[in-house]
Each structure stands twice: as C-alpha cells, then as structure tokens.
C-alpha cells in the first residue's frame, strides 16, 4: 500500500509530509514546531510491525489510544483503525491487515502500561472485541477533565483547545473508516485524534493532584467500569426503555423478558437492536394482555416479515413472562408525588457543584437522584453504590438532610 500527496499543514505550525513506504510500515512525518506533538506517525499493516511496536510500549510505560470504527448496520462495532501515541510518535494500526493480535493483547493487559483514552467506553469495547481481554490501567481524559473543572463530557477537540490551545479540525468525523485505501486526510485526522493525549494527561494529573481529587477520579472510574459490565448483560436495556413506568407490574415483567430476548437475538445476528424491534413495539407487545398469533398483526410497527420469523418466539417469551411473579424492579413507582423533592435535590446538586467547581452532571443527574429517592424511601434507607465513596461526604449527606428539611 502506498500513495503520494502534497504536504499538509499541521496544527501547531508544521507540515505533514508525504508518507514513505517501507517493508513493514508506512511512515508519515509530522514536522512541527510544537514540541508537545509527536514528530512521526507510522501505519502498521502486518503482524511483524505490530509485534515490534508493542514491545516498545512496555519501556515507556504510558500510551494514548483511540479507535475508529463503523457501527451503522451491526450490533458489534466493526474495528477500522487503532491509533496509539507514545513518546516516540503515533502508530496507526490497520486491524484489517493484522492476523495476530497477541502482542496488542499483552500490552493492553500489562498493568505497568498506563493507557490514556478519551471517553473510553466505545474504544474499550472495540479493543475487547479485537483481543478478547479487558483493558487494564486506563486513564479517561474526559472524566479527568470533569474532575479538574473543565466541564462534563467535553470532547477531545474541545479539551485540546482548552488545555493546550490547539485547534483541531473535524473534517473526517463521519468518514468511512472501513474503505481502503485510506486517504491521506483520514490518516492525518486519525493521528491528530490521539497525539495530544499524553500532554493532556500530564496537565490533568497535575491539576487533579493539586485539587486533591486523584482518589475521587480513580474511584469513579472503577465505579463506571463495574457499571459497564452490568450494562453488557442482555437484560440491562430494560432499564433504558422510556415509557415503561406507565405499565403495570405484570406488563413490565413481560417488557423485561422481551428486552432480554431482543438483545440476545440481536447479538446472535449481529444487527442493531432497533433493526430487530423498536422500543415502542416492545411496549405495545408488553401492554397487550390478550395477545395471540391472530392479533400480532394489530401491533403497529411489527412487520409481516418479523411476525413470520419471530411471531412464535415472541408469543412464547410473553407467555412465559406472564406466568412468573414480577420482581421488585417491575413494581411501578409513582415519582410524581416526589416531584418537589427531586426539584429540591437538583437545586442542592447545582449548589454543591458550584461550590466545588464540578459539573452538576458528574455529581448526580436526574435519573441518579430518582434512584436514590427510591432506595431511601422504598428500600429501608439503603444508599445506591453511586452515592457512596467520594460522593457521600461531598453531596449524599446533604441530599439526605434535604429530605428531612423538606419533610419538616
């Protein structure tokens, strides 16, 4: 694979030169006056080059990682690129040319290598899909940015501008990353999308330490890691269905079973869950108490093709769920009676966030506040895991005192 293109300007004042082809890698020089930027990127397209590069990372002990993938018509992401930055420069790995991901797997499992990833959830999913392992020792720069007081869910480009005064383009944001050969513009964008992670980490780590929040950050990341594991379970999508609160307990039990069936089937066929059955169709199926083979056609949004292929499976799933006793998660809770309490808590959250220069969303969003209220009011005062740990002293005690104050 080789190509020729004119030199392109590089953010920071340099240029990206024409790539140079070698036997194992394709090199592109980033000649930059900005000393914070790597001065070299290489495109890895075979196992030999990947193995040699992975050995280098264990020496440096810190790498930045980003991925490009496509997920429009599949359940699982289709990996297209893996970008890795270290003190030597940026490596762009083409997974379509790699047959042995063993060296990458070893690096991702190596606890001595710190992996810097911005908004890591989807990237971790791609890496786990490729290697079959859970990446360890991860530092999420987006989460760190929130703890350092730069805002909630700040994008990579925005954080680079705020921290490093670097303006990055977004020309290839919706690019077709699976198309080969990749264009020079695509590769340049991919390299820039990872090259500033190391300087970001250096500054964010220093600022969080100064604020005394390094421990909070590590604790929160571990909490989110455990939450991601729960979200992977087939039944997890049930809690994200809007409108389920209006259903009766028995119907919610059916909806829970249908969500699990849909997730399992979508995974098996590797298609997006919405392409199988949309959420609103699941709600209609769950809320019909006398559904049978002849009345399936009355369900809006349930195509004839879907009825033919999955009609019996759906009826079996629904019938089985109706014979089971609903769990406590299926019991509807009317939160309207507590609307003033939630509003009061949201005000407390904003005030506490302002006092600590933290995004309110990091402390607690509305859904989290509702879960806390349900736990405290309905489950003998138990406190959800999210509101334990670093949050307890910062906001949980204040929220609980808020209940007492509002009820006096």
Protein backbone atom coordinates (compact mmCIF):
# COMPACT_ATOMS: atom_id res chain seq x y z
CA UNK A 1 0.00 0.00 0.00
CA UNK A 2 1.48 3.37 -0.99
CA UNK A 3 0.29 6.77 -2.13
CA UNK A 4 1.56 10.25 -2.85
CA UNK A 5 0.06 13.51 -1.64
CA UNK A 6 1.31 17.04 -1.14
CA UNK A 7 2.47 18.19 2.27
CA UNK A 8 -0.34 19.31 4.57
CA UNK A 9 -0.17 21.94 7.30
CA UNK A 10 -0.03 20.56 10.83
CA UNK A 11 -1.76 22.07 13.80
CA UNK A 12 0.96 23.90 15.70
CA UNK A 13 2.76 25.26 12.68
CA UNK A 14 4.39 22.31 10.93
CA UNK A 15 3.50 20.11 7.99
CA UNK A 16 2.54 16.51 7.42
CA UNK A 17 4.83 15.28 4.69
CA UNK A 18 4.26 12.68 2.02
CA UNK A 19 4.30 9.18 3.64
CA UNK A 20 7.32 6.98 2.99
CA UNK A 21 6.76 3.29 2.28
CA UNK A 22 8.96 0.63 3.90
CA UNK A 23 8.67 -3.14 4.02
CA UNK A 24 6.77 -3.30 7.29
CA UNK A 25 5.37 0.16 7.93
CA UNK A 26 4.33 3.23 6.04
CA UNK A 27 5.73 6.37 7.61
CA UNK A 28 4.38 9.90 7.57
CA UNK A 29 6.45 12.70 9.05
CA UNK A 30 4.87 15.36 11.22
CA UNK A 31 7.42 18.16 11.25
CA UNK A 32 6.14 20.52 13.92
CA UNK A 33 7.45 23.50 15.83
CA UNK A 34 5.16 22.44 18.67
CA UNK A 35 7.36 20.35 20.99
CA UNK A 36 4.28 18.81 22.60
CA UNK A 37 3.43 16.97 19.37
CA UNK A 38 4.92 13.65 18.25
CA UNK A 39 7.06 14.13 15.15
CA UNK A 40 6.34 10.79 13.48
CA UNK A 41 3.44 8.56 12.66
CA UNK A 42 3.54 5.12 11.10
CA UNK A 43 0.86 2.93 9.57
CA UNK A 44 1.15 -0.68 10.76
CA UNK A 45 -0.33 -3.20 8.34
CA UNK A 46 1.20 -6.53 9.35
CA UNK A 47 1.96 -8.75 12.36
CA UNK A 48 5.73 -8.21 12.34
CA UNK A 49 5.50 -4.43 12.65
CA UNK A 50 2.77 -4.69 15.30
CA UNK A 51 4.84 -7.02 17.47
CA UNK A 52 7.91 -4.79 17.31
CA UNK A 53 5.88 -1.71 18.17
CA UNK A 54 4.10 -3.31 21.13
CA UNK A 55 7.45 -4.24 22.68
CA UNK A 56 8.37 -0.54 22.70
CA UNK A 57 5.34 0.46 24.76
CA UNK A 58 6.34 -1.54 27.85
CA UNK A 59 9.53 0.53 28.08
CA UNK A 60 7.78 3.90 28.03
CA UNK A 61 5.03 2.83 30.42
CA UNK A 62 2.38 5.19 29.01
CA UNK A 63 0.43 5.28 25.73
CA UNK A 64 -2.56 7.15 24.36
CA UNK A 65 -5.17 5.11 22.49
CA UNK A 66 -8.05 5.93 20.16
CA UNK A 67 -10.03 3.81 17.72
CA UNK A 68 -12.06 4.35 14.57
CA UNK A 69 -14.93 2.01 13.83
CA UNK A 70 -18.21 1.68 11.97
CA UNK A 71 -21.45 0.64 13.65
CA UNK A 72 -24.33 1.53 11.39
CA UNK A 73 -25.70 -1.89 10.44
CA UNK A 74 -24.23 -4.16 13.11
CA UNK A 75 -24.69 -4.85 16.82
CA UNK A 76 -20.97 -5.02 17.44
CA UNK A 77 -18.59 -2.27 16.28
CA UNK A 78 -16.52 -3.03 13.16
CA UNK A 79 -12.93 -2.02 14.04
CA UNK A 80 -11.27 0.09 11.37
CA UNK A 81 -8.21 1.69 12.98
CA UNK A 82 -6.32 1.71 16.27
CA UNK A 83 -4.20 4.79 16.95
CA UNK A 84 -1.55 4.69 19.65
CA UNK A 85 0.66 7.57 20.77
CA UNK A 86 3.79 7.38 22.91
CA UNK A 87 6.93 9.46 23.37
CA UNK A 88 8.23 8.20 20.01
CA UNK A 89 5.24 9.32 17.95
CA UNK A 90 1.92 8.00 16.71
CA UNK A 91 1.28 4.49 15.41
CA UNK A 92 -1.84 3.80 13.32
CA UNK A 93 -2.70 0.12 13.29
CA UNK A 94 -4.83 -1.22 10.44
CA UNK A 95 -6.67 -4.20 12.01
CA UNK A 96 -7.79 -5.38 8.57
CA UNK A 97 -4.18 -6.34 7.85
CA UNK A 98 -3.44 -7.99 11.21
CA UNK A 99 -3.97 -11.69 11.89
CA UNK A 100 -2.23 -11.98 15.27
CA UNK A 101 -3.38 -9.51 17.92
CA UNK A 102 -1.44 -11.35 20.66
CA UNK A 103 1.18 -8.59 21.15
CA UNK A 104 -1.57 -5.95 21.40
CA UNK A 105 -3.46 -8.15 23.85
CA UNK A 106 -0.37 -8.46 26.06
CA UNK A 107 0.15 -4.69 26.03
CA UNK A 108 -3.47 -3.98 26.94
CA UNK A 109 -3.22 -6.44 29.85
CA UNK A 110 0.12 -5.08 31.08
CA UNK A 111 -0.57 -3.20 34.34
CA UNK A 112 2.74 -1.34 34.04
CA UNK A 113 1.48 0.49 30.92
CA UNK A 114 -0.94 3.35 31.56
CA UNK A 115 -3.49 3.65 28.75
CA UNK A 116 -4.87 7.10 28.08
CA UNK A 117 -8.24 7.15 26.31
CA UNK A 118 -10.71 9.99 25.84
CA UNK A 119 -14.35 8.98 26.55
CA UNK A 120 -13.20 5.40 26.78
CA UNK A 121 -16.40 3.30 26.70
CA UNK A 122 -16.65 2.64 22.95
CA UNK A 123 -12.89 2.37 22.49
CA UNK A 124 -12.69 -0.25 25.24
CA UNK A 125 -15.48 -2.18 23.55
CA UNK A 126 -13.58 -2.18 20.24
CA UNK A 127 -10.34 -3.28 21.88
CA UNK A 128 -12.08 -6.03 23.84
CA UNK A 129 -13.75 -7.25 20.67
CA UNK A 130 -10.40 -7.46 18.86
CA UNK A 131 -8.36 -9.01 21.65
CA UNK A 132 -10.87 -10.74 23.91
CA UNK A 133 -9.47 -9.07 27.04
CA UNK A 134 -10.49 -6.24 29.34
CA UNK A 135 -8.04 -3.37 29.12
CA UNK A 136 -6.39 -2.59 32.46
CA UNK A 137 -4.88 0.59 33.94
CA UNK A 138 -6.96 3.08 31.96
CA UNK A 139 -6.98 6.86 32.39
CA UNK A 140 -10.01 8.56 30.82
CA UNK A 141 -9.07 12.13 29.91
CA UNK A 142 -12.71 13.17 29.53
CA UNK A 143 -13.53 12.06 33.07
CA UNK A 144 -10.32 13.66 34.34
CA UNK A 145 -11.32 16.90 32.62
CA UNK A 146 -14.59 16.88 34.57
CA UNK A 147 -12.81 16.39 37.90
CA UNK A 148 -10.34 19.15 37.01
CA UNK A 149 -13.25 21.55 36.49
CA UNK A 150 -13.36 21.79 32.69
CA UNK A 151 -16.94 20.64 32.20
CA UNK A 152 -18.91 17.43 31.71
CA UNK A 153 -18.43 15.21 28.65
CA UNK A 154 -16.04 17.62 26.94
CA UNK A 155 -14.99 16.33 23.53
CA UNK A 156 -11.37 15.63 22.63
CA UNK A 157 -11.12 18.61 20.30
CA UNK A 158 -12.61 20.99 22.87
CA UNK A 159 -10.40 19.70 25.67
CA UNK A 160 -7.29 20.02 23.49
CA UNK A 161 -8.18 23.62 22.79
CA UNK A 162 -8.87 24.45 26.45
CA UNK A 163 -5.80 22.70 27.86
CA UNK A 164 -3.23 23.07 25.10
CA UNK A 165 -4.51 25.95 22.97
CA UNK A 166 -4.63 23.60 19.97
CA UNK A 167 -7.45 23.81 17.42
CA UNK A 168 -8.21 20.51 15.67
CA UNK A 169 -10.36 20.10 12.56
CA UNK A 170 -13.32 17.73 12.34
CA UNK A 171 -13.28 17.10 8.60
CA UNK A 172 -13.24 13.29 8.85
CA UNK A 173 -15.61 12.85 11.79
CA UNK A 174 -18.11 10.88 9.69
CA UNK A 175 -15.62 9.28 7.37
CA UNK A 176 -15.93 5.73 6.02
CA UNK A 177 -13.12 4.19 8.02
CA UNK A 178 -13.52 0.71 6.55
CA UNK A 179 -12.85 1.86 2.99
CA UNK A 180 -9.41 1.01 1.64
CA UNK A 181 -7.08 2.55 0.79
CA UNK A 182 -7.43 5.18 3.48
CA UNK A 183 -6.92 8.72 2.29
CA UNK A 184 -4.11 10.95 3.48
CA UNK A 185 -6.70 13.19 5.10
CA UNK A 186 -8.16 10.27 7.04
CA UNK A 187 -4.77 9.17 8.34
CA UNK A 188 -3.84 12.71 9.32
CA UNK A 189 -7.12 13.09 11.21
CA UNK A 190 -6.61 9.73 12.94
CA UNK A 191 -3.09 10.68 14.04
CA UNK A 192 -4.19 14.06 15.39
CA UNK A 193 -7.03 12.36 17.25
CA UNK A 194 -4.58 10.65 19.60
CA UNK A 195 -1.38 12.68 19.60
CA UNK A 196 -2.38 15.12 22.34
CA UNK A 197 -3.46 12.55 24.92
CA UNK A 198 -0.06 12.43 26.63
CA UNK A 199 0.24 16.18 27.25
CA UNK A 200 -3.42 16.24 28.31
CA UNK A 201 -2.72 13.54 30.89
CA UNK A 202 0.31 15.35 32.24
CA UNK A 203 -1.65 18.53 32.90
CA UNK A 204 -4.86 16.90 34.13
CA UNK A 205 -2.98 14.63 36.53
CA UNK A 206 -1.15 17.60 37.99
CA UNK A 207 -4.32 19.66 38.38
CA UNK A 208 -6.34 16.83 39.97
CA UNK A 209 -3.50 16.20 42.43
CA UNK A 210 -3.42 19.89 43.34
CA UNK A 211 -7.18 19.82 43.94
CA UNK A 212 -6.93 16.61 45.96
CA UNK A 213 -9.18 14.72 43.53
CA UNK A 214 -6.91 11.98 42.18
CA UNK A 215 -8.52 9.47 44.53
CA UNK A 216 -12.01 10.60 43.53
CA UNK A 217 -11.12 10.12 39.89
CA UNK A 218 -9.80 6.58 40.39
CA UNK A 219 -12.80 5.61 42.49
CA UNK A 220 -15.26 6.99 39.96
CA UNK A 221 -13.57 5.24 37.07
CA UNK A 222 -13.78 1.92 38.93
CA UNK A 223 -17.46 2.53 39.64
CA UNK A 224 -18.07 3.17 35.95
CA UNK A 225 -16.08 0.09 34.98
CA UNK A 226 -18.38 -2.07 37.11
CA UNK A 227 -21.44 -0.29 35.68
CA UNK A 228 -20.25 -1.04 32.12
CA UNK A 229 -20.05 -4.73 32.97
CA UNK A 230 -23.67 -4.66 34.15
CA UNK A 231 -24.77 -2.72 31.05
CA UNK A 232 -23.43 -5.53 28.86
CA UNK A 233 -25.96 -8.00 30.26
CA UNK A 234 -28.84 -8.78 27.86
CA UNK A 235 -31.46 -7.64 30.37
CA UNK A 236 -29.80 -4.26 31.01
CA UNK A 237 -31.63 -2.45 28.18
CA UNK A 238 -34.90 -2.85 30.11
CA UNK A 239 -33.99 0.00 32.47
CA UNK A 240 -33.40 2.31 29.50
CA UNK A 241 -36.81 1.89 27.86
CA UNK A 242 -38.72 5.15 28.04
CA UNK A 243 -42.38 4.72 28.87
CA UNK A 244 -42.05 1.56 30.94
CA UNK A 245 -43.12 3.50 34.04
CA UNK A 246 -46.69 3.66 32.67
CA UNK A 247 -47.01 -0.14 32.50
CA UNK A 248 -48.49 -2.40 35.17
CA UNK A 249 -46.17 -4.69 37.13
CA UNK A 250 -47.11 -7.76 35.09
CA UNK A 251 -46.62 -5.89 31.83
CA UNK A 252 -43.25 -4.57 32.96
CA UNK A 253 -42.18 -8.15 33.66
CA UNK A 254 -43.12 -9.00 30.07
CA UNK A 255 -41.22 -5.99 28.78
CA UNK A 256 -38.14 -7.08 30.73
CA UNK A 257 -38.31 -10.54 29.16
CA UNK A 258 -38.81 -9.09 25.69
CA UNK A 259 -35.81 -6.80 26.11
CA UNK A 260 -33.64 -9.75 27.08
CA UNK A 261 -34.91 -11.78 24.11
CA UNK A 262 -34.27 -8.92 21.69
CA UNK A 263 -30.76 -8.32 22.98
CA UNK A 264 -29.83 -11.99 22.75
CA UNK A 265 -31.21 -12.25 19.21
CA UNK A 266 -29.55 -9.02 18.06
CA UNK A 267 -26.22 -10.22 19.40
CA UNK A 268 -26.59 -13.59 17.68
CA UNK A 269 -27.44 -11.98 14.33
CA UNK A 270 -25.07 -9.02 14.80
CA UNK A 271 -27.69 -6.43 13.90
CA UNK A 272 -28.70 -3.25 15.76
CA UNK A 273 -31.45 -3.92 18.27
CA UNK A 274 -33.62 -1.21 16.67
CA UNK A 275 -33.46 -3.11 13.35
CA UNK A 276 -34.92 -6.14 15.08
CA UNK A 277 -37.68 -4.48 17.13
CA UNK A 278 -38.00 -0.85 18.13
CA UNK A 279 -38.62 0.10 21.74
CA UNK A 280 -42.14 1.33 21.04
CA UNK A 281 -43.04 -2.06 19.53
CA UNK A 282 -41.81 -3.84 22.66
CA UNK A 283 -44.01 -1.57 24.77
CA UNK A 284 -47.07 -2.40 22.66
CA UNK A 285 -46.36 -6.13 22.84
CA UNK A 286 -45.88 -6.00 26.61
CA UNK A 287 -49.06 -3.98 27.25
CA UNK A 288 -51.44 -6.25 25.29
CA UNK A 289 -52.94 -8.72 27.80
CA UNK A 290 -54.65 -10.98 25.23
CA UNK A 291 -52.02 -11.17 22.52
CA UNK A 292 -52.06 -14.24 20.31
CA UNK A 293 -50.98 -15.33 16.82
CA UNK A 294 -54.03 -13.78 15.16
CA UNK A 295 -53.71 -10.40 16.91
CA UNK A 296 -49.99 -9.91 16.30
CA UNK A 297 -50.88 -8.18 13.05
CA UNK A 298 -52.65 -5.48 15.07
CA UNK A 299 -49.38 -4.32 16.62
CA UNK A 300 -48.22 -1.17 14.83
CA UNK A 301 -44.62 -1.35 13.71
CA UNK A 302 -44.45 -5.15 13.73
CA UNK A 303 -43.83 -6.04 10.09
CA UNK A 304 -45.18 -9.15 8.40
CA UNK A 305 -41.61 -10.36 7.88
CA UNK A 306 -40.90 -10.02 11.60
CA UNK A 307 -44.16 -11.73 12.53
CA UNK A 308 -43.37 -14.64 10.23
CA UNK A 309 -39.84 -15.09 11.53
CA UNK A 310 -40.29 -14.28 15.22
CA UNK A 311 -44.03 -14.45 15.94
CA UNK A 312 -43.95 -17.75 17.80
CA UNK A 313 -40.78 -16.87 19.68
CA UNK A 314 -42.34 -13.59 20.83
CA UNK A 315 -45.55 -15.29 21.97
CA UNK A 316 -43.55 -17.93 23.85
CA UNK A 317 -41.46 -15.25 25.55
CA UNK A 318 -44.55 -13.25 26.51
CA UNK A 319 -46.46 -16.29 27.73
CA UNK A 320 -43.57 -17.44 29.88
CA UNK A 321 -43.12 -13.99 31.43
CA UNK A 322 -46.81 -13.75 32.36
CA UNK A 323 -46.57 -16.94 34.41
CA UNK A 324 -43.77 -15.54 36.55
CA UNK A 325 -44.10 -13.33 39.59
CA UNK A 326 -42.91 -9.77 38.89
CA UNK A 327 -39.73 -8.75 40.70
CA UNK A 328 -39.33 -5.62 42.78
CA UNK A 329 -37.83 -3.87 39.74
CA UNK A 330 -41.12 -4.42 37.90
CA UNK A 331 -43.23 -2.68 40.53
CA UNK A 332 -44.15 0.78 39.23
CA UNK A 333 -43.28 3.69 41.50
CA UNK A 334 -45.13 6.96 41.03
CA UNK A 335 -42.43 9.61 41.27
CA UNK A 336 -44.85 12.43 40.54
CA UNK A 337 -45.63 12.60 44.24
CA UNK A 338 -41.96 13.37 44.84
CA UNK A 339 -41.54 15.95 42.08
CA UNK A 340 -40.89 18.75 44.56
CA UNK A 341 -38.29 16.64 46.35
CA UNK A 342 -36.43 15.91 43.09
CA UNK A 343 -36.55 19.60 42.20
CA UNK A 344 -35.17 20.46 45.64
CA UNK A 345 -32.36 17.92 45.21
CA UNK A 346 -31.48 19.25 41.77
CA UNK A 347 -31.02 22.67 43.33
CA UNK A 348 -28.79 21.21 46.03
CA UNK A 349 -26.75 19.43 43.37
CA UNK A 350 -26.19 22.65 41.44
CA UNK A 351 -25.12 24.50 44.58
CA UNK A 352 -22.70 21.79 45.67
CA UNK A 353 -21.29 21.54 42.15
CA UNK A 354 -20.72 25.28 42.01
CA UNK A 355 -19.02 25.26 45.40
CA UNK A 356 -16.56 22.58 44.25
CA UNK A 357 -16.22 23.77 40.63
CA UNK A 358 -17.54 20.44 39.39
CA UNK A 359 -20.15 19.75 36.68
CA UNK A 360 -23.55 19.01 38.28
CA UNK A 361 -23.93 16.01 35.94
CA UNK A 362 -20.82 14.46 37.46
CA UNK A 363 -22.32 14.62 40.92
CA UNK A 364 -25.79 13.34 40.02
CA UNK A 365 -28.19 13.57 37.08
CA UNK A 366 -31.97 13.29 37.41
CA UNK A 367 -32.02 9.52 36.94
CA UNK A 368 -29.44 9.06 39.70
CA UNK A 369 -31.43 11.30 42.04
CA UNK A 370 -34.57 9.28 41.33
CA UNK A 371 -32.72 6.04 42.10
CA UNK A 372 -31.51 7.49 45.39
CA UNK A 373 -35.01 8.61 46.28
CA UNK A 374 -36.49 5.20 45.50
CA UNK A 375 -33.80 3.44 47.55
CA UNK A 376 -34.20 5.72 50.54
CA UNK A 377 -38.00 5.93 50.53
CA UNK A 378 -38.88 2.42 49.40
CA UNK A 379 -35.97 0.14 50.29
CA UNK A 380 -35.41 0.73 54.00
CA UNK A 381 -33.00 3.61 53.55
CA UNK A 382 -30.34 1.79 51.51
CA UNK A 383 -27.94 4.02 49.58
CA UNK A 384 -27.03 3.14 45.97
CA UNK A 385 -23.37 2.40 45.30
CA UNK A 386 -23.03 5.54 43.21
CA UNK A 387 -23.76 7.75 46.23
CA UNK A 388 -21.24 6.02 48.46
CA UNK A 389 -17.50 6.63 48.38
CA UNK A 390 -16.28 10.10 47.38
CA UNK A 391 -19.79 11.39 46.74
CA UNK A 392 -21.05 10.58 50.23
CA UNK A 393 -19.26 13.39 52.01
CA UNK A 394 -19.50 15.79 49.07
CA UNK A 395 -23.22 15.54 48.32
CA UNK A 396 -25.01 12.43 49.65
CA UNK A 397 -25.26 13.61 53.25
CA UNK A 398 -26.53 17.00 52.08
CA UNK A 399 -29.19 15.34 49.90
CA UNK A 400 -30.35 13.10 52.73
CA UNK A 401 -30.55 16.08 55.06
CA UNK A 402 -32.57 17.71 52.28
CA UNK A 403 -35.26 15.05 52.73
CA UNK A 404 -35.52 15.80 56.42
CA UNK A 405 -35.61 19.53 55.81
CA UNK A 406 -38.27 19.27 53.09
CA UNK A 407 -40.45 16.97 55.22
CA UNK A 408 -40.38 19.09 58.36
